[in-house]
Amino acid sequence: MAKIVYWVGLALAIWCVYDLFTTKTIGVFWKILISIAILSCSWIGLLLYYFIFRNMIK
């Protein structure tokens, strides 16, 4: 069960980073910084990106 949660979290993190790099409203430095935060914080980073950063960026 833990492996499934891990792989789902990894797939969602990759989706968030892809979604982040497709936006044109912020600079490359901020994209790299936010993507590091997403990948290092796993589920917490995903939730923060989806509910806070994504709405602020778009």
PDB file of N, CA and C in Angstrom:
ATOM      1  N   MET A   1       0.821  -1.202   0.000  1.00  0.00           N
ATOM      2  CA  MET A   1       0.000   0.000   0.000  1.00  0.00           C
ATOM      3  C   MET A   1       0.867   1.269   0.000  1.00  0.00           C
ATOM      4  N   ALA A   2       1.970   1.218   0.732  1.00  0.00           N
ATOM      5  CA  ALA A   2       2.838   2.394   0.806  1.00  0.00           C
ATOM      6  C   ALA A   2       3.468   2.689  -0.549  1.00  0.00           C
ATOM      7  N   LYS A   3       3.765   1.654  -1.315  1.00  0.00           N
ATOM      8  CA  LYS A   3       4.353   1.883  -2.636  1.00  0.00           C
ATOM      9  C   LYS A   3       3.370   2.563  -3.574  1.00  0.00           C
ATOM     10  N   ILE A   4       2.099   2.212  -3.453  1.00  0.00           N
ATOM     11  CA  ILE A   4       1.080   2.846  -4.295  1.00  0.00           C
ATOM     12  C   ILE A   4       0.972   4.326  -3.957  1.00  0.00           C
ATOM     13  N   VAL A   5       0.950   4.649  -2.688  1.00  0.00           N
ATOM     14  CA  VAL A   5       0.868   6.047  -2.255  1.00  0.00           C
ATOM     15  C   VAL A   5       2.100   6.814  -2.731  1.00  0.00           C
ATOM     16  N   TYR A   6       3.268   6.182  -2.651  1.00  0.00           N
ATOM     17  CA  TYR A   6       4.495   6.816  -3.114  1.00  0.00           C
ATOM     18  C   TYR A   6       4.437   7.109  -4.610  1.00  0.00           C
ATOM     19  N   TRP A   7       4.044   6.133  -5.413  1.00  0.00           N
ATOM     20  CA  TRP A   7       4.017   6.313  -6.868  1.00  0.00           C
ATOM     21  C   TRP A   7       2.961   7.318  -7.300  1.00  0.00           C
ATOM     22  N   VAL A   8       1.824   7.325  -6.621  1.00  0.00           N
ATOM     23  CA  VAL A   8       0.789   8.317  -6.929  1.00  0.00           C
ATOM     24  C   VAL A   8       1.297   9.714  -6.588  1.00  0.00           C
ATOM     25  N   GLY A   9       1.953   9.858  -5.451  1.00  0.00           N
ATOM     26  CA  GLY A   9       2.517  11.150  -5.063  1.00  0.00           C
ATOM     27  C   GLY A   9       3.586  11.622  -6.025  1.00  0.00           C
ATOM     28  N   LEU A  10       4.407  10.711  -6.497  1.00  0.00           N
ATOM     29  CA  LEU A  10       5.446  11.067  -7.460  1.00  0.00           C
ATOM     30  C   LEU A  10       4.838  11.499  -8.793  1.00  0.00           C
ATOM     31  N   ALA A  11       3.829  10.775  -9.241  1.00  0.00           N
ATOM     32  CA  ALA A  11       3.170  11.138 -10.504  1.00  0.00           C
ATOM     33  C   ALA A  11       2.492  12.498 -10.389  1.00  0.00           C
ATOM     34  N   LEU A  12       1.849  12.764  -9.273  1.00  0.00           N
ATOM     35  CA  LEU A  12       1.203  14.063  -9.080  1.00  0.00           C
ATOM     36  C   LEU A  12       2.229  15.188  -8.973  1.00  0.00           C
ATOM     37  N   ALA A  13       3.367  14.916  -8.354  1.00  0.00           N
ATOM     38  CA  ALA A  13       4.416  15.929  -8.254  1.00  0.00           C
ATOM     39  C   ALA A  13       4.963  16.267  -9.637  1.00  0.00           C
ATOM     40  N   ILE A  14       5.160  15.260 -10.456  1.00  0.00           N
ATOM     41  CA  ILE A  14       5.637  15.509 -11.819  1.00  0.00           C
ATOM     42  C   ILE A  14       4.601  16.294 -12.604  1.00  0.00           C
ATOM     43  N   TRP A  15       3.326  15.985 -12.421  1.00  0.00           N
ATOM     44  CA  TRP A  15       2.260  16.741 -13.093  1.00  0.00           C
ATOM     45  C   TRP A  15       2.262  18.202 -12.643  1.00  0.00           C
ATOM     46  N   CYS A  16       2.449  18.440 -11.353  1.00  0.00           N
ATOM     47  CA  CYS A  16       2.476  19.817 -10.850  1.00  0.00           C
ATOM     48  C   CYS A  16       3.660  20.591 -11.409  1.00  0.00           C
ATOM     49  N   VAL A  17       4.816  19.971 -11.481  1.00  0.00           N
ATOM     50  CA  VAL A  17       5.996  20.642 -12.025  1.00  0.00           C
ATOM     51  C   VAL A  17       5.781  20.932 -13.511  1.00  0.00           C
ATOM     52  N   TYR A  18       5.204  19.995 -14.230  1.00  0.00           N
ATOM     53  CA  TYR A  18       4.900  20.228 -15.650  1.00  0.00           C
ATOM     54  C   TYR A  18       3.920  21.386 -15.801  1.00  0.00           C
ATOM     55  N   ASP A  19       2.883  21.401 -14.985  1.00  0.00           N
ATOM     56  CA  ASP A  19       1.897  22.477 -15.029  1.00  0.00           C
ATOM     57  C   ASP A  19       2.544  23.816 -14.686  1.00  0.00           C
ATOM     58  N   LEU A  20       3.458  23.799 -13.757  1.00  0.00           N
ATOM     59  CA  LEU A  20       4.155  25.023 -13.364  1.00  0.00           C
ATOM     60  C   LEU A  20       5.008  25.565 -14.500  1.00  0.00           C
ATOM     61  N   PHE A  21       5.713  24.699 -15.206  1.00  0.00           N
ATOM     62  CA  PHE A  21       6.607  25.161 -16.271  1.00  0.00           C
ATOM     63  C   PHE A  21       5.867  25.516 -17.557  1.00  0.00           C
ATOM     64  N   THR A  22       4.592  25.191 -17.675  1.00  0.00           N
ATOM     65  CA  THR A  22       3.837  25.582 -18.863  1.00  0.00           C
ATOM     66  C   THR A  22       3.241  26.980 -18.730  1.00  0.00           C
ATOM     67  N   THR A  23       3.240  27.546 -17.517  1.00  0.00           N
ATOM     68  CA  THR A  23       2.727  28.905 -17.353  1.00  0.00           C
ATOM     69  C   THR A  23       3.770  29.910 -17.793  1.00  0.00           C
ATOM     70  N   LYS A  24       3.321  31.021 -18.291  1.00  0.00           N
ATOM     71  CA  LYS A  24       4.225  32.054 -18.798  1.00  0.00           C
ATOM     72  C   LYS A  24       4.269  33.290 -17.896  1.00  0.00           C
ATOM     73  N   THR A  25       3.551  33.269 -16.769  1.00  0.00           N
ATOM     74  CA  THR A  25       3.408  34.478 -15.973  1.00  0.00           C
ATOM     75  C   THR A  25       4.526  34.711 -14.966  1.00  0.00           C
ATOM     76  N   ILE A  26       5.325  33.687 -14.641  1.00  0.00           N
ATOM     77  CA  ILE A  26       6.399  33.880 -13.674  1.00  0.00           C
ATOM     78  C   ILE A  26       7.736  33.522 -14.316  1.00  0.00           C
ATOM     79  N   GLY A  27       8.805  33.995 -13.693  1.00  0.00           N
ATOM     80  CA  GLY A  27      10.143  33.778 -14.226  1.00  0.00           C
ATOM     81  C   GLY A  27      10.680  32.384 -13.945  1.00  0.00           C
ATOM     82  N   VAL A  28      11.774  32.075 -14.601  1.00  0.00           N
ATOM     83  CA  VAL A  28      12.386  30.747 -14.486  1.00  0.00           C
ATOM     84  C   VAL A  28      12.903  30.495 -13.067  1.00  0.00           C
ATOM     85  N   PHE A  29      13.458  31.527 -12.436  1.00  0.00           N
ATOM     86  CA  PHE A  29      13.961  31.363 -11.071  1.00  0.00           C
ATOM     87  C   PHE A  29      12.860  30.905 -10.128  1.00  0.00           C
ATOM     88  N   TRP A  30      11.693  31.550 -10.196  1.00  0.00           N
ATOM     89  CA  TRP A  30      10.581  31.180  -9.324  1.00  0.00           C
ATOM     90  C   TRP A  30      10.030  29.807  -9.673  1.00  0.00           C
ATOM     91  N   LYS A  31      10.047  29.466 -10.952  1.00  0.00           N
ATOM     92  CA  LYS A  31       9.588  28.132 -11.348  1.00  0.00           C
ATOM     93  C   LYS A  31      10.478  27.052 -10.750  1.00  0.00           C
ATOM     94  N   ILE A  32      11.782  27.273 -10.802  1.00  0.00           N
ATOM     95  CA  ILE A  32      12.715  26.297 -10.238  1.00  0.00           C
ATOM     96  C   ILE A  32      12.560  26.223  -8.727  1.00  0.00           C
ATOM     97  N   LEU A  33      12.416  27.356  -8.085  1.00  0.00           N
ATOM     98  CA  LEU A  33      12.270  27.384  -6.634  1.00  0.00           C
ATOM     99  C   LEU A  33      10.993  26.671  -6.178  1.00  0.00           C
ATOM    100  N   ILE A  34       9.886  26.933  -6.827  1.00  0.00           N
ATOM    101  CA  ILE A  34       8.629  26.287  -6.465  1.00  0.00           C
ATOM    102  C   ILE A  34       8.664  24.803  -6.797  1.00  0.00           C
ATOM    103  N   SER A  35       9.297  24.423  -7.902  1.00  0.00           N
ATOM    104  CA  SER A  35       9.365  23.001  -8.246  1.00  0.00           C
ATOM    105  C   SER A  35      10.225  22.234  -7.249  1.00  0.00           C
ATOM    106  N   ILE A  36      11.292  22.837  -6.742  1.00  0.00           N
ATOM    107  CA  ILE A  36      12.095  22.187  -5.696  1.00  0.00           C
ATOM    108  C   ILE A  36      11.258  22.004  -4.437  1.00  0.00           C
ATOM    109  N   ALA A  37      10.474  23.005  -4.093  1.00  0.00           N
ATOM    110  CA  ALA A  37       9.611  22.888  -2.920  1.00  0.00           C
ATOM    111  C   ALA A  37       8.565  21.786  -3.107  1.00  0.00           C
ATOM    112  N   ILE A  38       7.999  21.687  -4.289  1.00  0.00           N
ATOM    113  CA  ILE A  38       7.000  20.650  -4.563  1.00  0.00           C
ATOM    114  C   ILE A  38       7.626  19.273  -4.447  1.00  0.00           C
ATOM    115  N   LEU A  39       8.778  19.091  -5.053  1.00  0.00           N
ATOM    116  CA  LEU A  39       9.402  17.771  -5.058  1.00  0.00           C
ATOM    117  C   LEU A  39       9.980  17.379  -3.701  1.00  0.00           C
ATOM    118  N   SER A  40      10.410  18.343  -2.921  1.00  0.00           N
ATOM    119  CA  SER A  40      11.006  18.005  -1.629  1.00  0.00           C
ATOM    120  C   SER A  40       9.972  17.814  -0.524  1.00  0.00           C
ATOM    121  N   CYS A  41       8.818  18.436  -0.656  1.00  0.00           N
ATOM    122  CA  CYS A  41       7.801  18.333   0.397  1.00  0.00           C
ATOM    123  C   CYS A  41       6.716  17.314   0.091  1.00  0.00           C
ATOM    124  N   SER A  42       6.798  16.652  -1.018  1.00  0.00           N
ATOM    125  CA  SER A  42       5.888  15.584  -1.409  1.00  0.00           C
ATOM    126  C   SER A  42       4.432  16.026  -1.333  1.00  0.00           C
ATOM    127  N   TRP A  43       3.636  15.377  -0.511  1.00  0.00           N
ATOM    128  CA  TRP A  43       2.190  15.630  -0.483  1.00  0.00           C
ATOM    129  C   TRP A  43       1.864  17.038  -0.016  1.00  0.00           C
ATOM    130  N   ILE A  44       2.609  17.558   0.941  1.00  0.00           N
ATOM    131  CA  ILE A  44       2.358  18.915   1.425  1.00  0.00           C
ATOM    132  C   ILE A  44       2.655  19.929   0.315  1.00  0.00           C
ATOM    133  N   GLY A  45       3.733  19.714  -0.414  1.00  0.00           N
ATOM    134  CA  GLY A  45       4.065  20.588  -1.536  1.00  0.00           C
ATOM    135  C   GLY A  45       3.019  20.535  -2.631  1.00  0.00           C
ATOM    136  N   LEU A  46       2.482  19.344  -2.880  1.00  0.00           N
ATOM    137  CA  LEU A  46       1.425  19.203  -3.879  1.00  0.00           C
ATOM    138  C   LEU A  46       0.181  19.985  -3.485  1.00  0.00           C
ATOM    139  N   LEU A  47      -0.217  19.843  -2.239  1.00  0.00           N
ATOM    140  CA  LEU A  47      -1.416  20.543  -1.776  1.00  0.00           C
ATOM    141  C   LEU A  47      -1.220  22.053  -1.782  1.00  0.00           C
ATOM    142  N   LEU A  48      -0.047  22.504  -1.354  1.00  0.00           N
ATOM    143  CA  LEU A  48       0.224  23.941  -1.375  1.00  0.00           C
ATOM    144  C   LEU A  48       0.200  24.484  -2.797  1.00  0.00           C
ATOM    145  N   TYR A  49       0.804  23.753  -3.720  1.00  0.00           N
ATOM    146  CA  TYR A  49       0.802  24.221  -5.105  1.00  0.00           C
ATOM    147  C   TYR A  49      -0.610  24.260  -5.663  1.00  0.00           C
ATOM    148  N   TYR A  50      -1.347  23.188  -5.468  1.00  0.00           N
ATOM    149  CA  TYR A  50      -2.659  23.093  -6.098  1.00  0.00           C
ATOM    150  C   TYR A  50      -3.653  24.109  -5.537  1.00  0.00           C
ATOM    151  N   PHE A  51      -3.630  24.332  -4.226  1.00  0.00           N
ATOM    152  CA  PHE A  51      -4.631  25.208  -3.637  1.00  0.00           C
ATOM    153  C   PHE A  51      -4.188  26.664  -3.470  1.00  0.00           C
ATOM    154  N   ILE A  52      -2.888  26.926  -3.430  1.00  0.00           N
ATOM    155  CA  ILE A  52      -2.439  28.301  -3.197  1.00  0.00           C
ATOM    156  C   ILE A  52      -1.692  28.869  -4.402  1.00  0.00           C
ATOM    157  N   PHE A  53      -0.565  28.254  -4.763  1.00  0.00           N
ATOM    158  CA  PHE A  53       0.287  28.824  -5.810  1.00  0.00           C
ATOM    159  C   PHE A  53      -0.371  28.806  -7.172  1.00  0.00           C
ATOM    160  N   ARG A  54      -1.098  27.768  -7.487  1.00  0.00           N
ATOM    161  CA  ARG A  54      -1.703  27.664  -8.827  1.00  0.00           C
ATOM    162  C   ARG A  54      -2.699  28.788  -9.067  1.00  0.00           C
ATOM    163  N   ASN A  55      -3.484  29.130  -8.040  1.00  0.00           N
ATOM    164  CA  ASN A  55      -4.438  30.218  -8.189  1.00  0.00           C
ATOM    165  C   ASN A  55      -3.751  31.579  -8.249  1.00  0.00           C
ATOM    166  N   MET A  56      -2.629  31.730  -7.541  1.00  0.00           N
ATOM    167  CA  MET A  56      -1.907  32.997  -7.567  1.00  0.00           C
ATOM    168  C   MET A  56      -1.202  33.217  -8.905  1.00  0.00           C
ATOM    169  N   ILE A  57      -0.734  32.142  -9.513  1.00  0.00           N
ATOM    170  CA  ILE A  57       0.021  32.251 -10.760  1.00  0.00           C
ATOM    171  C   ILE A  57      -0.891  32.546 -11.944  1.00  0.00           C
ATOM    172  N   LYS A  58      -2.025  31.881 -12.002  1.00  0.00           N
ATOM    173  CA  LYS A  58      -2.914  32.009 -13.169  1.00  0.00           C
ATOM    174  C   LYS A  58      -3.914  33.073 -13.017  1.00  0.00           C
TER     175      LYS A  58
END
